[in-house]
Amino acid sequence: MAHGNGAPFADMPEPLQMLCRALLRDPGGDRVMAQVLAIVPAVGLDAVLVAVELALENAPPSGKVSVEHVVNVLGRLNATPAPQNAATTLQVATAPLANTARYDSLRGQDSTEEACHDA
């Protein structure tokens, strides 16, 4: 894409052109760009454009944006928001009782036997 005929990519939307320029600075950038473009049929061009813009704005200090970064942004954009109030009206009818002997029974020992062995 960087070394061949760039004419087919000249009319790409600006966010994709910006991503392309950023990716093609590094080896393998053309492969990452192809992976990003391959997402478009599945989620739509508008969603990819928004995700690319956000990924570029929030690029790591290295400045390298990966396809995983774009996919992660897409996932967050499409995530179902948590309910505003997740409180519940369920209440415990009987408070739990502390049963320390249960621990000993799980270990296969009776607490009275252990006390005898310690003496």
PDB file of N, CA and C in Angstrom:
ATOM      1  N   MET A   1       0.823  -1.181   0.000  1.00  0.00           N
ATOM      2  CA  MET A   1       0.000   0.000   0.000  1.00  0.00           C
ATOM      3  C   MET A   1       0.873   1.252   0.000  1.00  0.00           C
ATOM      4  N   ALA A   2       1.989   1.225   0.716  1.00  0.00           N
ATOM      5  CA  ALA A   2       2.820   2.413   0.782  1.00  0.00           C
ATOM      6  C   ALA A   2       3.697   2.555  -0.447  1.00  0.00           C
ATOM      7  N   HIS A   3       4.108   1.429  -0.985  1.00  0.00           N
ATOM      8  CA  HIS A   3       5.079   1.493  -2.056  1.00  0.00           C
ATOM      9  C   HIS A   3       4.443   1.366  -3.436  1.00  0.00           C
ATOM     10  N   GLY A   4       3.236   0.887  -3.494  1.00  0.00           N
ATOM     11  CA  GLY A   4       2.576   0.698  -4.779  1.00  0.00           C
ATOM     12  C   GLY A   4       1.787   1.927  -5.174  1.00  0.00           C
ATOM     13  N   ASN A   5       0.802   1.709  -5.968  1.00  0.00           N
ATOM     14  CA  ASN A   5      -0.054   2.782  -6.434  1.00  0.00           C
ATOM     15  C   ASN A   5      -0.996   3.189  -5.310  1.00  0.00           C
ATOM     16  N   GLY A   6      -0.867   4.412  -4.804  1.00  0.00           N
ATOM     17  CA  GLY A   6      -1.686   4.879  -3.702  1.00  0.00           C
ATOM     18  C   GLY A   6      -3.002   5.484  -4.127  1.00  0.00           C
ATOM     19  N   ALA A   7      -3.272   5.543  -5.426  1.00  0.00           N
ATOM     20  CA  ALA A   7      -4.492   6.178  -5.923  1.00  0.00           C
ATOM     21  C   ALA A   7      -5.769   5.585  -5.340  1.00  0.00           C
ATOM     22  N   PRO A   8      -5.889   4.246  -5.192  1.00  0.00           N
ATOM     23  CA  PRO A   8      -7.143   3.720  -4.639  1.00  0.00           C
ATOM     24  C   PRO A   8      -7.422   4.187  -3.215  1.00  0.00           C
ATOM     25  N   PHE A   9      -6.368   4.609  -2.507  1.00  0.00           N
ATOM     26  CA  PHE A   9      -6.544   4.998  -1.114  1.00  0.00           C
ATOM     27  C   PHE A   9      -6.626   6.512  -0.939  1.00  0.00           C
ATOM     28  N   ALA A  10      -6.496   7.246  -2.017  1.00  0.00           N
ATOM     29  CA  ALA A  10      -6.507   8.703  -1.936  1.00  0.00           C
ATOM     30  C   ALA A  10      -7.867   9.239  -1.520  1.00  0.00           C
ATOM     31  N   ASP A  11      -8.939   8.500  -1.820  1.00  0.00           N
ATOM     32  CA  ASP A  11     -10.266   9.004  -1.476  1.00  0.00           C
ATOM     33  C   ASP A  11     -10.815   8.372  -0.187  1.00  0.00           C
ATOM     34  N   MET A  12      -9.942   7.762   0.605  1.00  0.00           N
ATOM     35  CA  MET A  12     -10.377   7.232   1.904  1.00  0.00           C
ATOM     36  C   MET A  12     -10.745   8.404   2.813  1.00  0.00           C
ATOM     37  N   PRO A  13     -11.679   8.202   3.726  1.00  0.00           N
ATOM     38  CA  PRO A  13     -11.995   9.260   4.697  1.00  0.00           C
ATOM     39  C   PRO A  13     -10.735   9.659   5.488  1.00  0.00           C
ATOM     40  N   GLU A  14     -10.702  10.888   5.911  1.00  0.00           N
ATOM     41  CA  GLU A  14      -9.524  11.455   6.570  1.00  0.00           C
ATOM     42  C   GLU A  14      -9.015  10.630   7.759  1.00  0.00           C
ATOM     43  N   PRO A  15      -9.883  10.122   8.664  1.00  0.00           N
ATOM     44  CA  PRO A  15      -9.335   9.330   9.773  1.00  0.00           C
ATOM     45  C   PRO A  15      -8.545   8.109   9.289  1.00  0.00           C
ATOM     46  N   LEU A  16      -9.020   7.470   8.227  1.00  0.00           N
ATOM     47  CA  LEU A  16      -8.301   6.309   7.708  1.00  0.00           C
ATOM     48  C   LEU A  16      -6.995   6.734   7.039  1.00  0.00           C
ATOM     49  N   GLN A  17      -6.988   7.881   6.390  1.00  0.00           N
ATOM     50  CA  GLN A  17      -5.744   8.384   5.800  1.00  0.00           C
ATOM     51  C   GLN A  17      -4.723   8.710   6.890  1.00  0.00           C
ATOM     52  N   MET A  18      -5.200   9.310   7.985  1.00  0.00           N
ATOM     53  CA  MET A  18      -4.306   9.629   9.102  1.00  0.00           C
ATOM     54  C   MET A  18      -3.731   8.346   9.701  1.00  0.00           C
ATOM     55  N   LEU A  19      -4.595   7.341   9.875  1.00  0.00           N
ATOM     56  CA  LEU A  19      -4.133   6.071  10.411  1.00  0.00           C
ATOM     57  C   LEU A  19      -3.124   5.435   9.463  1.00  0.00           C
ATOM     58  N   CYS A  20      -3.421   5.479   8.199  1.00  0.00           N
ATOM     59  CA  CYS A  20      -2.539   4.900   7.187  1.00  0.00           C
ATOM     60  C   CYS A  20      -1.159   5.554   7.246  1.00  0.00           C
ATOM     61  N   ARG A  21      -1.129   6.874   7.312  1.00  0.00           N
ATOM     62  CA  ARG A  21       0.159   7.582   7.390  1.00  0.00           C
ATOM     63  C   ARG A  21       0.920   7.188   8.642  1.00  0.00           C
ATOM     64  N   ALA A  22       0.205   7.068   9.768  1.00  0.00           N
ATOM     65  CA  ALA A  22       0.866   6.699  11.025  1.00  0.00           C
ATOM     66  C   ALA A  22       1.389   5.264  10.973  1.00  0.00           C
ATOM     67  N   LEU A  23       0.597   4.367  10.413  1.00  0.00           N
ATOM     68  CA  LEU A  23       0.990   2.958  10.381  1.00  0.00           C
ATOM     69  C   LEU A  23       2.127   2.692   9.412  1.00  0.00           C
ATOM     70  N   LEU A  24       2.142   3.389   8.297  1.00  0.00           N
ATOM     71  CA  LEU A  24       3.128   3.096   7.260  1.00  0.00           C
ATOM     72  C   LEU A  24       4.530   3.593   7.610  1.00  0.00           C
ATOM     73  N   ARG A  25       4.656   4.275   8.747  1.00  0.00           N
ATOM     74  CA  ARG A  25       5.988   4.677   9.210  1.00  0.00           C
ATOM     75  C   ARG A  25       6.781   3.473   9.708  1.00  0.00           C
ATOM     76  N   ASP A  26       6.063   2.414  10.089  1.00  0.00           N
ATOM     77  CA  ASP A  26       6.698   1.243  10.683  1.00  0.00           C
ATOM     78  C   ASP A  26       6.546   0.019   9.794  1.00  0.00           C
ATOM     79  N   PRO A  27       7.513  -0.895   9.849  1.00  0.00           N
ATOM     80  CA  PRO A  27       7.363  -2.148   9.101  1.00  0.00           C
ATOM     81  C   PRO A  27       6.113  -2.897   9.567  1.00  0.00           C
ATOM     82  N   GLY A  28       5.395  -3.463   8.657  1.00  0.00           N
ATOM     83  CA  GLY A  28       4.178  -4.203   8.992  1.00  0.00           C
ATOM     84  C   GLY A  28       2.950  -3.332   9.115  1.00  0.00           C
ATOM     85  N   GLY A  29       3.115  -2.023   8.965  1.00  0.00           N
ATOM     86  CA  GLY A  29       1.986  -1.107   9.072  1.00  0.00           C
ATOM     87  C   GLY A  29       0.939  -1.338   8.005  1.00  0.00           C
ATOM     88  N   ASP A  30       1.395  -1.764   6.815  1.00  0.00           N
ATOM     89  CA  ASP A  30       0.435  -2.030   5.742  1.00  0.00           C
ATOM     90  C   ASP A  30      -0.463  -3.211   6.098  1.00  0.00           C
ATOM     91  N   ARG A  31       0.080  -4.180   6.810  1.00  0.00           N
ATOM     92  CA  ARG A  31      -0.710  -5.341   7.241  1.00  0.00           C
ATOM     93  C   ARG A  31      -1.761  -4.916   8.276  1.00  0.00           C
ATOM     94  N   VAL A  32      -1.353  -4.055   9.209  1.00  0.00           N
ATOM     95  CA  VAL A  32      -2.294  -3.565  10.231  1.00  0.00           C
ATOM     96  C   VAL A  32      -3.401  -2.758   9.569  1.00  0.00           C
ATOM     97  N   MET A  33      -3.042  -1.935   8.583  1.00  0.00           N
ATOM     98  CA  MET A  33      -4.041  -1.135   7.879  1.00  0.00           C
ATOM     99  C   MET A  33      -5.038  -2.038   7.165  1.00  0.00           C
ATOM    100  N   ALA A  34      -4.539  -3.096   6.546  1.00  0.00           N
ATOM    101  CA  ALA A  34      -5.432  -4.043   5.860  1.00  0.00           C
ATOM    102  C   ALA A  34      -6.371  -4.712   6.856  1.00  0.00           C
ATOM    103  N   GLN A  35      -5.869  -5.021   8.064  1.00  0.00           N
ATOM    104  CA  GLN A  35      -6.714  -5.638   9.085  1.00  0.00           C
ATOM    105  C   GLN A  35      -7.801  -4.671   9.550  1.00  0.00           C
ATOM    106  N   VAL A  36      -7.459  -3.404   9.693  1.00  0.00           N
ATOM    107  CA  VAL A  36      -8.458  -2.401  10.088  1.00  0.00           C
ATOM    108  C   VAL A  36      -9.519  -2.276   9.001  1.00  0.00           C
ATOM    109  N   LEU A  37      -9.096  -2.219   7.743  1.00  0.00           N
ATOM    110  CA  LEU A  37     -10.059  -2.112   6.640  1.00  0.00           C
ATOM    111  C   LEU A  37     -10.937  -3.353   6.540  1.00  0.00           C
ATOM    112  N   ALA A  38     -10.409  -4.497   6.943  1.00  0.00           N
ATOM    113  CA  ALA A  38     -11.188  -5.737   6.900  1.00  0.00           C
ATOM    114  C   ALA A  38     -12.320  -5.740   7.926  1.00  0.00           C
ATOM    115  N   ILE A  39     -12.249  -4.888   8.916  1.00  0.00           N
ATOM    116  CA  ILE A  39     -13.305  -4.794   9.940  1.00  0.00           C
ATOM    117  C   ILE A  39     -14.530  -4.068   9.390  1.00  0.00           C
ATOM    118  N   VAL A  40     -14.333  -3.179   8.423  1.00  0.00           N
ATOM    119  CA  VAL A  40     -15.407  -2.319   7.921  1.00  0.00           C
ATOM    120  C   VAL A  40     -16.657  -3.092   7.502  1.00  0.00           C
ATOM    121  N   PRO A  41     -16.563  -4.176   6.724  1.00  0.00           N
ATOM    122  CA  PRO A  41     -17.797  -4.875   6.326  1.00  0.00           C
ATOM    123  C   PRO A  41     -18.583  -5.447   7.509  1.00  0.00           C
ATOM    124  N   ALA A  42     -17.889  -5.792   8.574  1.00  0.00           N
ATOM    125  CA  ALA A  42     -18.566  -6.407   9.725  1.00  0.00           C
ATOM    126  C   ALA A  42     -19.284  -5.385  10.604  1.00  0.00           C
ATOM    127  N   VAL A  43     -18.677  -4.216  10.809  1.00  0.00           N
ATOM    128  CA  VAL A  43     -19.259  -3.258  11.758  1.00  0.00           C
ATOM    129  C   VAL A  43     -19.712  -1.951  11.126  1.00  0.00           C
ATOM    130  N   GLY A  44     -19.295  -1.714   9.900  1.00  0.00           N
ATOM    131  CA  GLY A  44     -19.704  -0.485   9.212  1.00  0.00           C
ATOM    132  C   GLY A  44     -18.609   0.565   9.217  1.00  0.00           C
ATOM    133  N   LEU A  45     -18.594   1.350   8.175  1.00  0.00           N
ATOM    134  CA  LEU A  45     -17.565   2.371   8.004  1.00  0.00           C
ATOM    135  C   LEU A  45     -17.633   3.433   9.091  1.00  0.00           C
ATOM    136  N   ASP A  46     -18.836   3.888   9.425  1.00  0.00           N
ATOM    137  CA  ASP A  46     -18.962   4.957  10.428  1.00  0.00           C
ATOM    138  C   ASP A  46     -18.382   4.535  11.769  1.00  0.00           C
ATOM    139  N   ALA A  47     -18.673   3.309  12.193  1.00  0.00           N
ATOM    140  CA  ALA A  47     -18.155   2.819  13.470  1.00  0.00           C
ATOM    141  C   ALA A  47     -16.639   2.735  13.442  1.00  0.00           C
ATOM    142  N   VAL A  48     -16.081   2.267  12.344  1.00  0.00           N
ATOM    143  CA  VAL A  48     -14.617   2.163  12.232  1.00  0.00           C
ATOM    144  C   VAL A  48     -13.989   3.550  12.231  1.00  0.00           C
ATOM    145  N   LEU A  49     -14.612   4.504  11.560  1.00  0.00           N
ATOM    146  CA  LEU A  49     -14.071   5.865  11.534  1.00  0.00           C
ATOM    147  C   LEU A  49     -14.018   6.461  12.938  1.00  0.00           C
ATOM    148  N   VAL A  50     -15.086   6.298  13.702  1.00  0.00           N
ATOM    149  CA  VAL A  50     -15.108   6.812  15.069  1.00  0.00           C
ATOM    150  C   VAL A  50     -14.037   6.112  15.904  1.00  0.00           C
ATOM    151  N   ALA A  51     -13.949   4.791  15.775  1.00  0.00           N
ATOM    152  CA  ALA A  51     -12.962   4.027  16.546  1.00  0.00           C
ATOM    153  C   ALA A  51     -11.535   4.429  16.174  1.00  0.00           C
ATOM    154  N   VAL A  52     -11.285   4.645  14.895  1.00  0.00           N
ATOM    155  CA  VAL A  52      -9.947   5.055  14.457  1.00  0.00           C
ATOM    156  C   VAL A  52      -9.613   6.432  15.013  1.00  0.00           C
ATOM    157  N   GLU A  53     -10.564   7.361  14.954  1.00  0.00           N
ATOM    158  CA  GLU A  53     -10.316   8.700  15.502  1.00  0.00           C
ATOM    159  C   GLU A  53      -9.980   8.625  16.985  1.00  0.00           C
ATOM    160  N   LEU A  54     -10.762   7.847  17.733  1.00  0.00           N
ATOM    161  CA  LEU A  54     -10.499   7.713  19.172  1.00  0.00           C
ATOM    162  C   LEU A  54      -9.177   7.005  19.436  1.00  0.00           C
ATOM    163  N   ALA A  55      -8.880   5.985  18.651  1.00  0.00           N
ATOM    164  CA  ALA A  55      -7.613   5.259  18.824  1.00  0.00           C
ATOM    165  C   ALA A  55      -6.429   6.183  18.543  1.00  0.00           C
ATOM    166  N   LEU A  56      -6.538   7.023  17.535  1.00  0.00           N
ATOM    167  CA  LEU A  56      -5.454   7.961  17.235  1.00  0.00           C
ATOM    168  C   LEU A  56      -5.311   9.015  18.329  1.00  0.00           C
ATOM    169  N   GLU A  57      -6.437   9.493  18.853  1.00  0.00           N
ATOM    170  CA  GLU A  57      -6.398  10.497  19.926  1.00  0.00           C
ATOM    171  C   GLU A  57      -5.769   9.916  21.190  1.00  0.00           C
ATOM    172  N   ASN A  58      -6.033   8.639  21.457  1.00  0.00           N
ATOM    173  CA  ASN A  58      -5.557   7.997  22.682  1.00  0.00           C
ATOM    174  C   ASN A  58      -4.417   7.025  22.416  1.00  0.00           C
ATOM    175  N   ALA A  59      -3.625   7.320  21.402  1.00  0.00           N
ATOM    176  CA  ALA A  59      -2.520   6.431  21.044  1.00  0.00           C
ATOM    177  C   ALA A  59      -1.542   6.325  22.210  1.00  0.00           C
ATOM    178  N   PRO A  60      -0.915   5.162  22.357  1.00  0.00           N
ATOM    179  CA  PRO A  60       0.077   5.000  23.418  1.00  0.00           C
ATOM    180  C   PRO A  60       1.268   5.929  23.178  1.00  0.00           C
ATOM    181  N   PRO A  61       2.129   6.113  24.183  1.00  0.00           N
ATOM    182  CA  PRO A  61       3.284   7.016  24.031  1.00  0.00           C
ATOM    183  C   PRO A  61       4.148   6.687  22.808  1.00  0.00           C
ATOM    184  N   SER A  62       4.172   5.419  22.414  1.00  0.00           N
ATOM    185  CA  SER A  62       4.962   5.043  21.235  1.00  0.00           C
ATOM    186  C   SER A  62       4.341   5.596  19.958  1.00  0.00           C
ATOM    187  N   GLY A  63       3.053   5.957  20.018  1.00  0.00           N
ATOM    188  CA  GLY A  63       2.357   6.470  18.852  1.00  0.00           C
ATOM    189  C   GLY A  63       1.844   5.389  17.929  1.00  0.00           C
ATOM    190  N   LYS A  64       2.130   4.126  18.248  1.00  0.00           N
ATOM    191  CA  LYS A  64       1.707   3.020  17.394  1.00  0.00           C
ATOM    192  C   LYS A  64       0.289   2.589  17.749  1.00  0.00           C
ATOM    193  N   VAL A  65      -0.566   2.553  16.756  1.00  0.00           N
ATOM    194  CA  VAL A  65      -1.934   2.090  16.937  1.00  0.00           C
ATOM    195  C   VAL A  65      -2.032   0.717  16.289  1.00  0.00           C
ATOM    196  N   SER A  66      -2.579  -0.244  17.028  1.00  0.00           N
ATOM    197  CA  SER A  66      -2.716  -1.596  16.501  1.00  0.00           C
ATOM    198  C   SER A  66      -4.171  -1.864  16.139  1.00  0.00           C
ATOM    199  N   VAL A  67      -4.370  -2.932  15.389  1.00  0.00           N
ATOM    200  CA  VAL A  67      -5.743  -3.326  15.056  1.00  0.00           C
ATOM    201  C   VAL A  67      -6.483  -3.702  16.337  1.00  0.00           C
ATOM    202  N   GLU A  68      -5.764  -4.274  17.300  1.00  0.00           N
ATOM    203  CA  GLU A  68      -6.392  -4.619  18.578  1.00  0.00           C
ATOM    204  C   GLU A  68      -6.895  -3.368  19.283  1.00  0.00           C
ATOM    205  N   HIS A  69      -6.139  -2.270  19.168  1.00  0.00           N
ATOM    206  CA  HIS A  69      -6.549  -1.010  19.775  1.00  0.00           C
ATOM    207  C   HIS A  69      -7.869  -0.530  19.163  1.00  0.00           C
ATOM    208  N   VAL A  70      -7.967  -0.593  17.845  1.00  0.00           N
ATOM    209  CA  VAL A  70      -9.193  -0.172  17.153  1.00  0.00           C
ATOM    210  C   VAL A  70     -10.350  -1.088  17.542  1.00  0.00           C
ATOM    211  N   VAL A  71     -10.111  -2.400  17.584  1.00  0.00           N
ATOM    212  CA  VAL A  71     -11.160  -3.357  17.962  1.00  0.00           C
ATOM    213  C   VAL A  71     -11.605  -3.115  19.402  1.00  0.00           C
ATOM    214  N   ASN A  72     -10.655  -2.821  20.288  1.00  0.00           N
ATOM    215  CA  ASN A  72     -10.990  -2.538  21.686  1.00  0.00           C
ATOM    216  C   ASN A  72     -11.885  -1.307  21.782  1.00  0.00           C
ATOM    217  N   VAL A  73     -11.556  -0.261  21.050  1.00  0.00           N
ATOM    218  CA  VAL A  73     -12.383   0.955  21.055  1.00  0.00           C
ATOM    219  C   VAL A  73     -13.776   0.632  20.513  1.00  0.00           C
ATOM    220  N   LEU A  74     -13.843  -0.155  19.444  1.00  0.00           N
ATOM    221  CA  LEU A  74     -15.152  -0.560  18.906  1.00  0.00           C
ATOM    222  C   LEU A  74     -15.966  -1.300  19.958  1.00  0.00           C
ATOM    223  N   GLY A  75     -15.323  -2.193  20.688  1.00  0.00           N
ATOM    224  CA  GLY A  75     -16.015  -2.944  21.738  1.00  0.00           C
ATOM    225  C   GLY A  75     -16.566  -2.038  22.820  1.00  0.00           C
ATOM    226  N   ARG A  76     -15.759  -1.034  23.201  1.00  0.00           N
ATOM    227  CA  ARG A  76     -16.225  -0.105  24.232  1.00  0.00           C
ATOM    228  C   ARG A  76     -17.354   0.775  23.716  1.00  0.00           C
ATOM    229  N   LEU A  77     -17.312   1.134  22.447  1.00  0.00           N
ATOM    230  CA  LEU A  77     -18.395   1.948  21.875  1.00  0.00           C
ATOM    231  C   LEU A  77     -19.703   1.168  21.821  1.00  0.00           C
ATOM    232  N   ASN A  78     -19.613  -0.134  21.608  1.00  0.00           N
ATOM    233  CA  ASN A  78     -20.806  -0.966  21.468  1.00  0.00           C
ATOM    234  C   ASN A  78     -21.216  -1.653  22.768  1.00  0.00           C
ATOM    235  N   ALA A  79     -20.498  -1.391  23.843  1.00  0.00           N
ATOM    236  CA  ALA A  79     -20.799  -2.051  25.119  1.00  0.00           C
ATOM    237  C   ALA A  79     -22.140  -1.569  25.668  1.00  0.00           C
ATOM    238  N   THR A  80     -22.848  -2.478  26.297  1.00  0.00           N
ATOM    239  CA  THR A  80     -24.111  -2.135  26.944  1.00  0.00           C
ATOM    240  C   THR A  80     -23.800  -1.383  28.233  1.00  0.00           C
ATOM    241  N   PRO A  81     -24.382  -0.211  28.418  1.00  0.00           N
ATOM    242  CA  PRO A  81     -24.083   0.536  29.645  1.00  0.00           C
ATOM    243  C   PRO A  81     -24.655  -0.174  30.871  1.00  0.00           C
ATOM    244  N   ALA A  82     -23.958  -0.015  31.976  1.00  0.00           N
ATOM    245  CA  ALA A  82     -24.425  -0.595  33.232  1.00  0.00           C
ATOM    246  C   ALA A  82     -25.658   0.176  33.697  1.00  0.00           C
ATOM    247  N   PRO A  83     -26.586  -0.499  34.382  1.00  0.00           N
ATOM    248  CA  PRO A  83     -27.766   0.223  34.880  1.00  0.00           C
ATOM    249  C   PRO A  83     -27.349   1.293  35.882  1.00  0.00           C
ATOM    250  N   GLN A  84     -28.117   2.384  35.917  1.00  0.00           N
ATOM    251  CA  GLN A  84     -27.777   3.481  36.822  1.00  0.00           C
ATOM    252  C   GLN A  84     -27.863   3.055  38.274  1.00  0.00           C
ATOM    253  N   ASN A  85     -28.851   2.244  38.604  1.00  0.00           N
ATOM    254  CA  ASN A  85     -29.009   1.813  39.982  1.00  0.00           C
ATOM    255  C   ASN A  85     -29.050   0.291  39.998  1.00  0.00           C
ATOM    256  N   ALA A  86     -27.969  -0.293  40.438  1.00  0.00           N
ATOM    257  CA  ALA A  86     -27.884  -1.750  40.464  1.00  0.00           C
ATOM    258  C   ALA A  86     -28.270  -2.305  41.836  1.00  0.00           C
ATOM    259  N   ALA A  87     -28.833  -1.455  42.696  1.00  0.00           N
ATOM    260  CA  ALA A  87     -29.237  -1.910  44.016  1.00  0.00           C
ATOM    261  C   ALA A  87     -30.375  -2.921  43.892  1.00  0.00           C
ATOM    262  N   THR A  88     -30.456  -3.797  44.860  1.00  0.00           N
ATOM    263  CA  THR A  88     -31.492  -4.820  44.839  1.00  0.00           C
ATOM    264  C   THR A  88     -32.320  -4.745  46.115  1.00  0.00           C
ATOM    265  N   THR A  89     -33.505  -5.268  46.061  1.00  0.00           N
ATOM    266  CA  THR A  89     -34.365  -5.279  47.247  1.00  0.00           C
ATOM    267  C   THR A  89     -34.300  -6.618  47.973  1.00  0.00           C
ATOM    268  N   LEU A  90     -33.428  -7.504  47.512  1.00  0.00           N
ATOM    269  CA  LEU A  90     -33.285  -8.797  48.182  1.00  0.00           C
ATOM    270  C   LEU A  90     -32.635  -8.601  49.545  1.00  0.00           C
ATOM    271  N   GLN A  91     -33.151  -9.339  50.526  1.00  0.00           N
ATOM    272  CA  GLN A  91     -32.586  -9.272  51.864  1.00  0.00           C
ATOM    273  C   GLN A  91     -32.398 -10.688  52.383  1.00  0.00           C
ATOM    274  N   VAL A  92     -31.397 -10.870  53.225  1.00  0.00           N
ATOM    275  CA  VAL A  92     -31.141 -12.172  53.820  1.00  0.00           C
ATOM    276  C   VAL A  92     -32.159 -12.382  54.930  1.00  0.00           C
ATOM    277  N   ALA A  93     -32.885 -13.515  54.881  1.00  0.00           N
ATOM    278  CA  ALA A  93     -33.908 -13.797  55.891  1.00  0.00           C
ATOM    279  C   ALA A  93     -33.264 -14.242  57.204  1.00  0.00           C
ATOM    280  N   THR A  94     -32.209 -15.023  57.133  1.00  0.00           N
ATOM    281  CA  THR A  94     -31.522 -15.507  58.326  1.00  0.00           C
ATOM    282  C   THR A  94     -30.056 -15.148  58.212  1.00  0.00           C
ATOM    283  N   ALA A  95     -29.559 -14.479  59.221  1.00  0.00           N
ATOM    284  CA  ALA A  95     -28.144 -14.084  59.193  1.00  0.00           C
ATOM    285  C   ALA A  95     -27.271 -15.333  59.243  1.00  0.00           C
ATOM    286  N   PRO A  96     -26.164 -15.366  58.523  1.00  0.00           N
ATOM    287  CA  PRO A  96     -25.285 -16.527  58.552  1.00  0.00           C
ATOM    288  C   PRO A  96     -24.625 -16.677  59.926  1.00  0.00           C
ATOM    289  N   LEU A  97     -24.439 -17.908  60.334  1.00  0.00           N
ATOM    290  CA  LEU A  97     -23.793 -18.192  61.617  1.00  0.00           C
ATOM    291  C   LEU A  97     -22.355 -18.610  61.364  1.00  0.00           C
ATOM    292  N   ALA A  98     -21.471 -18.148  62.229  1.00  0.00           N
ATOM    293  CA  ALA A  98     -20.075 -18.559  62.127  1.00  0.00           C
ATOM    294  C   ALA A  98     -19.964 -19.969  62.701  1.00  0.00           C
ATOM    295  N   ASN A  99     -19.414 -20.892  61.923  1.00  0.00           N
ATOM    296  CA  ASN A  99     -19.279 -22.280  62.355  1.00  0.00           C
ATOM    297  C   ASN A  99     -17.830 -22.686  62.145  1.00  0.00           C
ATOM    298  N   THR A 100     -17.030 -22.460  63.177  1.00  0.00           N
ATOM    299  CA  THR A 100     -15.610 -22.764  63.048  1.00  0.00           C
ATOM    300  C   THR A 100     -15.335 -24.263  63.021  1.00  0.00           C
ATOM    301  N   ALA A 101     -16.247 -25.070  63.579  1.00  0.00           N
ATOM    302  CA  ALA A 101     -16.061 -26.518  63.552  1.00  0.00           C
ATOM    303  C   ALA A 101     -16.173 -27.048  62.117  1.00  0.00           C
ATOM    304  N   ARG A 102     -16.845 -26.301  61.261  1.00  0.00           N
ATOM    305  CA  ARG A 102     -16.980 -26.737  59.865  1.00  0.00           C
ATOM    306  C   ARG A 102     -15.623 -26.815  59.185  1.00  0.00           C
ATOM    307  N   TYR A 103     -14.736 -25.897  59.510  1.00  0.00           N
ATOM    308  CA  TYR A 103     -13.397 -25.914  58.944  1.00  0.00           C
ATOM    309  C   TYR A 103     -12.695 -27.227  59.299  1.00  0.00           C
ATOM    310  N   ASP A 104     -12.792 -27.621  60.561  1.00  0.00           N
ATOM    311  CA  ASP A 104     -12.160 -28.865  60.991  1.00  0.00           C
ATOM    312  C   ASP A 104     -12.783 -30.062  60.293  1.00  0.00           C
ATOM    313  N   SER A 105     -14.118 -30.014  60.087  1.00  0.00           N
ATOM    314  CA  SER A 105     -14.761 -31.150  59.431  1.00  0.00           C
ATOM    315  C   SER A 105     -14.323 -31.235  57.964  1.00  0.00           C
ATOM    316  N   LEU A 106     -14.055 -30.104  57.360  1.00  0.00           N
ATOM    317  CA  LEU A 106     -13.574 -30.116  55.983  1.00  0.00           C
ATOM    318  C   LEU A 106     -12.150 -30.663  55.899  1.00  0.00           C
ATOM    319  N   ARG A 107     -11.386 -30.459  56.949  1.00  0.00           N
ATOM    320  CA  ARG A 107     -10.027 -30.981  56.987  1.00  0.00           C
ATOM    321  C   ARG A 107     -10.019 -32.460  57.356  1.00  0.00           C
ATOM    322  N   GLY A 108     -11.181 -32.979  57.778  1.00  0.00           N
ATOM    323  CA  GLY A 108     -11.282 -34.391  58.137  1.00  0.00           C
ATOM    324  C   GLY A 108     -10.910 -34.673  59.583  1.00  0.00           C
ATOM    325  N   GLN A 109     -10.907 -33.633  60.396  1.00  0.00           N
ATOM    326  CA  GLN A 109     -10.570 -33.817  61.808  1.00  0.00           C
ATOM    327  C   GLN A 109     -11.661 -33.211  62.666  1.00  0.00           C
ATOM    328  N   ASP A 110     -11.855 -33.780  63.796  1.00  0.00           N
ATOM    329  CA  ASP A 110     -12.794 -33.236  64.771  1.00  0.00           C
ATOM    330  C   ASP A 110     -12.009 -32.269  65.640  1.00  0.00           C
ATOM    331  N   SER A 111     -12.567 -31.126  65.967  1.00  0.00           N
ATOM    332  CA  SER A 111     -11.841 -30.125  66.744  1.00  0.00           C
ATOM    333  C   SER A 111     -11.468 -30.655  68.120  1.00  0.00           C
ATOM    334  N   THR A 112     -12.267 -31.590  68.692  1.00  0.00           N
ATOM    335  CA  THR A 112     -11.922 -32.151  70.017  1.00  0.00           C
ATOM    336  C   THR A 112     -10.724 -33.079  69.898  1.00  0.00           C
ATOM    337  N   GLU A 113     -10.609 -33.816  68.773  1.00  0.00           N
ATOM    338  CA  GLU A 113      -9.447 -34.686  68.579  1.00  0.00           C
ATOM    339  C   GLU A 113      -8.182 -33.865  68.492  1.00  0.00           C
ATOM    340  N   GLU A 114      -8.265 -32.739  67.786  1.00  0.00           N
ATOM    341  CA  GLU A 114      -7.086 -31.896  67.625  1.00  0.00           C
ATOM    342  C   GLU A 114      -6.646 -31.353  68.975  1.00  0.00           C
ATOM    343  N   ALA A 115      -7.601 -30.973  69.804  1.00  0.00           N
ATOM    344  CA  ALA A 115      -7.267 -30.454  71.114  1.00  0.00           C
ATOM    345  C   ALA A 115      -6.569 -31.527  71.936  1.00  0.00           C
ATOM    346  N   CYS A 116      -6.971 -32.797  71.794  1.00  0.00           N
ATOM    347  CA  CYS A 116      -6.353 -33.874  72.548  1.00  0.00           C
ATOM    348  C   CYS A 116      -4.922 -34.140  72.053  1.00  0.00           C
ATOM    349  N   HIS A 117      -4.701 -33.975  70.769  1.00  0.00           N
ATOM    350  CA  HIS A 117      -3.376 -34.237  70.227  1.00  0.00           C
ATOM    351  C   HIS A 117      -2.387 -33.146  70.644  1.00  0.00           C
ATOM    352  N   ASP A 118      -2.894 -31.950  70.886  1.00  0.00           N
ATOM    353  CA  ASP A 118      -2.025 -30.852  71.254  1.00  0.00           C
ATOM    354  C   ASP A 118      -1.587 -30.943  72.699  1.00  0.00           C
ATOM    355  N   ALA A 119      -2.315 -31.673  73.509  1.00  0.00           N
ATOM    356  CA  ALA A 119      -2.036 -31.725  74.958  1.00  0.00           C
ATOM    357  C   ALA A 119      -0.842 -32.595  75.274  1.00  0.00           C
TER     358      ALA A 119
END
